[in-house]
């Protein structure tokens, strides 16, 4: 009897060792799968963060371009206003020129005063 009991105990111990080995292998497989999932998540998150930073950079560059365009438009508006001022000043300048032309009849002949035959001797 004792031999049969010892054989049963040894067989049970072998089965228990086999079960413990299977359990350890399952735990190792589970931990490996978990580590692989964490690694995949870290890769995906890093890719997302990179794309987010790229998008934010492009958005900031676009806003800068819009600001530059606004400045160019303002400069164009100022140039247009200056042109309008010159156009509106044109008739006044023309009239002033006409008035000076009319006044010239009463002024001395500058060519005579400062020309080649002037009394001052200038131009000889």
C-alpha atoms as a PDB file:
ATOM      1  CA  UNK A   1       0.000   0.000   0.000  1.00  0.00           C
ATOM      2  CA  UNK A   2       2.603   2.479   0.832  1.00  0.00           C
ATOM      3  CA  UNK A   3       4.266   1.986  -2.569  1.00  0.00           C
ATOM      4  CA  UNK A   4       0.986   2.726  -4.378  1.00  0.00           C
ATOM      5  CA  UNK A   5       0.373   5.762  -2.160  1.00  0.00           C
ATOM      6  CA  UNK A   6       3.885   7.076  -2.797  1.00  0.00           C
ATOM      7  CA  UNK A   7       3.403   6.549  -6.551  1.00  0.00           C
ATOM      8  CA  UNK A   8       0.101   8.490  -6.426  1.00  0.00           C
ATOM      9  CA  UNK A   9       1.769  11.313  -4.473  1.00  0.00           C
ATOM     10  CA  UNK A  10       4.650  11.456  -6.957  1.00  0.00           C
ATOM     11  CA  UNK A  11       2.194  11.457  -9.879  1.00  0.00           C
ATOM     12  CA  UNK A  12       0.201  14.275  -8.238  1.00  0.00           C
ATOM     13  CA  UNK A  13       3.404  16.249  -7.649  1.00  0.00           C
ATOM     14  CA  UNK A  14       4.372  15.830 -11.319  1.00  0.00           C
ATOM     15  CA  UNK A  15       0.907  17.009 -12.414  1.00  0.00           C
ATOM     16  CA  UNK A  16       1.117  19.976 -10.036  1.00  0.00           C
ATOM     17  CA  UNK A  17       4.546  20.898 -11.439  1.00  0.00           C
ATOM     18  CA  UNK A  18       3.174  20.647 -14.980  1.00  0.00           C
ATOM     19  CA  UNK A  19       0.250  22.926 -14.051  1.00  0.00           C
ATOM     20  CA  UNK A  20       2.607  25.450 -12.409  1.00  0.00           C
ATOM     21  CA  UNK A  21       4.762  25.449 -15.554  1.00  0.00           C
ATOM     22  CA  UNK A  22       1.703  26.023 -17.766  1.00  0.00           C
ATOM     23  CA  UNK A  23       0.547  28.831 -15.454  1.00  0.00           C
ATOM     24  CA  UNK A  24       3.981  30.500 -15.573  1.00  0.00           C
ATOM     25  CA  UNK A  25       4.031  30.279 -19.388  1.00  0.00           C
ATOM     26  CA  UNK A  26       0.536  31.794 -19.594  1.00  0.00           C
ATOM     27  CA  UNK A  27       1.589  34.639 -17.288  1.00  0.00           C
ATOM     28  CA  UNK A  28       4.687  35.262 -19.429  1.00  0.00           C
ATOM     29  CA  UNK A  29       2.550  35.300 -22.601  1.00  0.00           C
ATOM     30  CA  UNK A  30       0.050  37.677 -20.972  1.00  0.00           C
ATOM     31  CA  UNK A  31       2.824  40.053 -19.817  1.00  0.00           C
ATOM     32  CA  UNK A  32       4.410  39.987 -23.293  1.00  0.00           C
ATOM     33  CA  UNK A  33       1.070  40.799 -24.934  1.00  0.00           C
ATOM     34  CA  UNK A  34       0.501  43.609 -22.427  1.00  0.00           C
ATOM     35  CA  UNK A  35       3.970  45.046 -23.103  1.00  0.00           C
ATOM     36  CA  UNK A  36       3.348  44.872 -26.867  1.00  0.00           C
ATOM     37  CA  UNK A  37       0.055  46.752 -26.454  1.00  0.00           C
ATOM     38  CA  UNK A  38       1.740  49.439 -24.346  1.00  0.00           C
ATOM     39  CA  UNK A  39       4.481  49.794 -26.958  1.00  0.00           C
ATOM     40  CA  UNK A  40       1.934  50.089 -29.780  1.00  0.00           C
ATOM     41  CA  UNK A  41       0.026  52.709 -27.802  1.00  0.00           C
ATOM     42  CA  UNK A  42       3.227  54.692 -27.176  1.00  0.00           C
ATOM     43  CA  UNK A  43       4.052  54.584 -30.902  1.00  0.00           C
ATOM     44  CA  UNK A  44       0.554  55.697 -31.882  1.00  0.00           C
ATOM     45  CA  UNK A  45       0.552  58.479 -29.309  1.00  0.00           C
ATOM     46  CA  UNK A  46       3.976  59.728 -30.440  1.00  0.00           C
ATOM     47  CA  UNK A  47       2.760  59.788 -34.043  1.00  0.00           C
ATOM     48  CA  UNK A  48      -0.350  61.704 -33.024  1.00  0.00           C
ATOM     49  CA  UNK A  49       1.663  64.239 -31.008  1.00  0.00           C
ATOM     50  CA  UNK A  50       3.994  64.756 -33.981  1.00  0.00           C
ATOM     51  CA  UNK A  51       1.086  65.310 -36.379  1.00  0.00           C
ATOM     52  CA  UNK A  52      -0.560  67.657 -33.878  1.00  0.00           C
ATOM     53  CA  UNK A  53       2.642  69.712 -33.571  1.00  0.00           C
ATOM     54  CA  UNK A  54       2.986  69.819 -37.376  1.00  0.00           C
ATOM     55  CA  UNK A  55      -0.613  70.994 -37.717  1.00  0.00           C
ATOM     56  CA  UNK A  56      -0.099  73.700 -35.093  1.00  0.00           C
ATOM     57  CA  UNK A  57       3.083  74.852 -36.841  1.00  0.00           C
ATOM     58  CA  UNK A  58       1.317  75.079 -40.194  1.00  0.00           C
ATOM     59  CA  UNK A  59      -1.575  76.930 -38.594  1.00  0.00           C
ATOM     60  CA  UNK A  60       0.796  79.475 -37.026  1.00  0.00           C
ATOM     61  CA  UNK A  61       2.593  79.926 -40.360  1.00  0.00           C
ATOM     62  CA  UNK A  62      -0.742  80.444 -42.099  1.00  0.00           C
ATOM     63  CA  UNK A  63      -1.773  83.044 -39.543  1.00  0.00           C
ATOM     64  CA  UNK A  64       1.547  84.820 -40.139  1.00  0.00           C
ATOM     65  CA  UNK A  65       0.888  84.838 -43.881  1.00  0.00           C
ATOM     66  CA  UNK A  66      -2.596  86.242 -43.283  1.00  0.00           C
ATOM     67  CA  UNK A  67      -1.083  89.005 -41.115  1.00  0.00           C
ATOM     68  CA  UNK A  68       1.475  89.821 -43.818  1.00  0.00           C
ATOM     69  CA  UNK A  69      -1.330  89.964 -46.377  1.00  0.00           C
ATOM     70  CA  UNK A  70      -3.273  92.344 -44.129  1.00  0.00           C
ATOM     71  CA  UNK A  71      -0.212  94.591 -43.880  1.00  0.00           C
ATOM     72  CA  UNK A  72       0.226  94.580 -47.658  1.00  0.00           C
ATOM     73  CA  UNK A  73      -3.457  95.433 -48.097  1.00  0.00           C
ATOM     74  CA  UNK A  74      -3.135  98.340 -45.642  1.00  0.00           C
ATOM     75  CA  UNK A  75      -0.053  99.623 -47.483  1.00  0.00           C
ATOM     76  CA  UNK A  76      -1.989  99.405 -50.748  1.00  0.00           C
ATOM     77  CA  UNK A  77      -4.880 101.351 -49.241  1.00  0.00           C
ATOM     78  CA  UNK A  78      -2.490 104.057 -48.027  1.00  0.00           C
ATOM     79  CA  UNK A  79      -0.878 104.264 -51.463  1.00  0.00           C
ATOM     80  CA  UNK A  80      -4.318 104.543 -53.023  1.00  0.00           C
ATOM     81  CA  UNK A  81      -5.249 107.344 -50.607  1.00  0.00           C
ATOM     82  CA  UNK A  82      -2.023 109.170 -51.428  1.00  0.00           C
ATOM     83  CA  UNK A  83      -2.782 108.805 -55.128  1.00  0.00           C
ATOM     84  CA  UNK A  84      -6.257 110.233 -54.559  1.00  0.00           C
ATOM     85  CA  UNK A  85      -4.686 113.174 -52.712  1.00  0.00           C
ATOM     86  CA  UNK A  86      -2.338 113.804 -55.626  1.00  0.00           C
ATOM     87  CA  UNK A  87      -5.223 113.575 -58.088  1.00  0.00           C
ATOM     88  CA  UNK A  88      -7.319 116.024 -56.095  1.00  0.00           C
ATOM     89  CA  UNK A  89      -4.323 118.370 -55.699  1.00  0.00           C
ATOM     90  CA  UNK A  90      -3.627 118.297 -59.455  1.00  0.00           C
ATOM     91  CA  UNK A  91      -6.249 120.909 -60.515  1.00  0.00           C
ATOM     92  CA  UNK A  92      -5.073 123.284 -57.765  1.00  0.00           C
ATOM     93  CA  UNK A  93      -1.452 122.951 -58.913  1.00  0.00           C
ATOM     94  CA  UNK A  94      -2.559 123.493 -62.502  1.00  0.00           C
ATOM     95  CA  UNK A  95      -4.488 126.647 -61.523  1.00  0.00           C
ATOM     96  CA  UNK A  96      -1.508 127.928 -59.545  1.00  0.00           C
ATOM     97  CA  UNK A  97       0.650 127.406 -62.628  1.00  0.00           C
ATOM     98  CA  UNK A  98      -1.831 129.314 -64.733  1.00  0.00           C
ATOM     99  CA  UNK A  99      -1.875 132.168 -62.183  1.00  0.00           C
ATOM    100  CA  UNK A 100       1.926 132.404 -62.194  1.00  0.00           C
ATOM    101  CA  UNK A 101       1.832 132.429 -65.989  1.00  0.00           C
ATOM    102  CA  UNK A 102      -0.576 135.350 -65.857  1.00  0.00           C
ATOM    103  CA  UNK A 103       1.586 137.165 -63.289  1.00  0.00           C
ATOM    104  CA  UNK A 104       4.713 136.714 -65.371  1.00  0.00           C
ATOM    105  CA  UNK A 105       3.565 139.449 -67.723  1.00  0.00           C
ATOM    106  CA  UNK A 106       4.212 142.003 -64.959  1.00  0.00           C
ATOM    107  CA  UNK A 107       7.562 140.582 -63.810  1.00  0.00           C
ATOM    108  CA  UNK A 108      10.898 141.520 -65.403  1.00  0.00           C
ATOM    109  CA  UNK A 109      12.359 139.308 -68.050  1.00  0.00           C
ATOM    110  CA  UNK A 110      14.675 136.984 -66.140  1.00  0.00           C
ATOM    111  CA  UNK A 111      16.565 136.089 -69.277  1.00  0.00           C
ATOM    112  CA  UNK A 112      17.420 139.745 -69.735  1.00  0.00           C
ATOM    113  CA  UNK A 113      18.508 140.143 -66.097  1.00  0.00           C
ATOM    114  CA  UNK A 114      20.573 136.993 -65.778  1.00  0.00           C
ATOM    115  CA  UNK A 115      21.060 135.953 -69.386  1.00  0.00           C
ATOM    116  CA  UNK A 116      24.006 136.510 -71.678  1.00  0.00           C
ATOM    117  CA  UNK A 117      23.398 140.265 -72.236  1.00  0.00           C
ATOM    118  CA  UNK A 118      22.353 141.187 -68.727  1.00  0.00           C
ATOM    119  CA  UNK A 119      23.538 144.371 -67.016  1.00  0.00           C
ATOM    120  CA  UNK A 120      24.998 142.276 -64.193  1.00  0.00           C
ATOM    121  CA  UNK A 121      27.383 140.608 -66.613  1.00  0.00           C
ATOM    122  CA  UNK A 122      26.213 137.181 -65.517  1.00  0.00           C
ATOM    123  CA  UNK A 123      26.553 134.565 -68.198  1.00  0.00           C
ATOM    124  CA  UNK A 124      29.438 136.218 -70.099  1.00  0.00           C
END
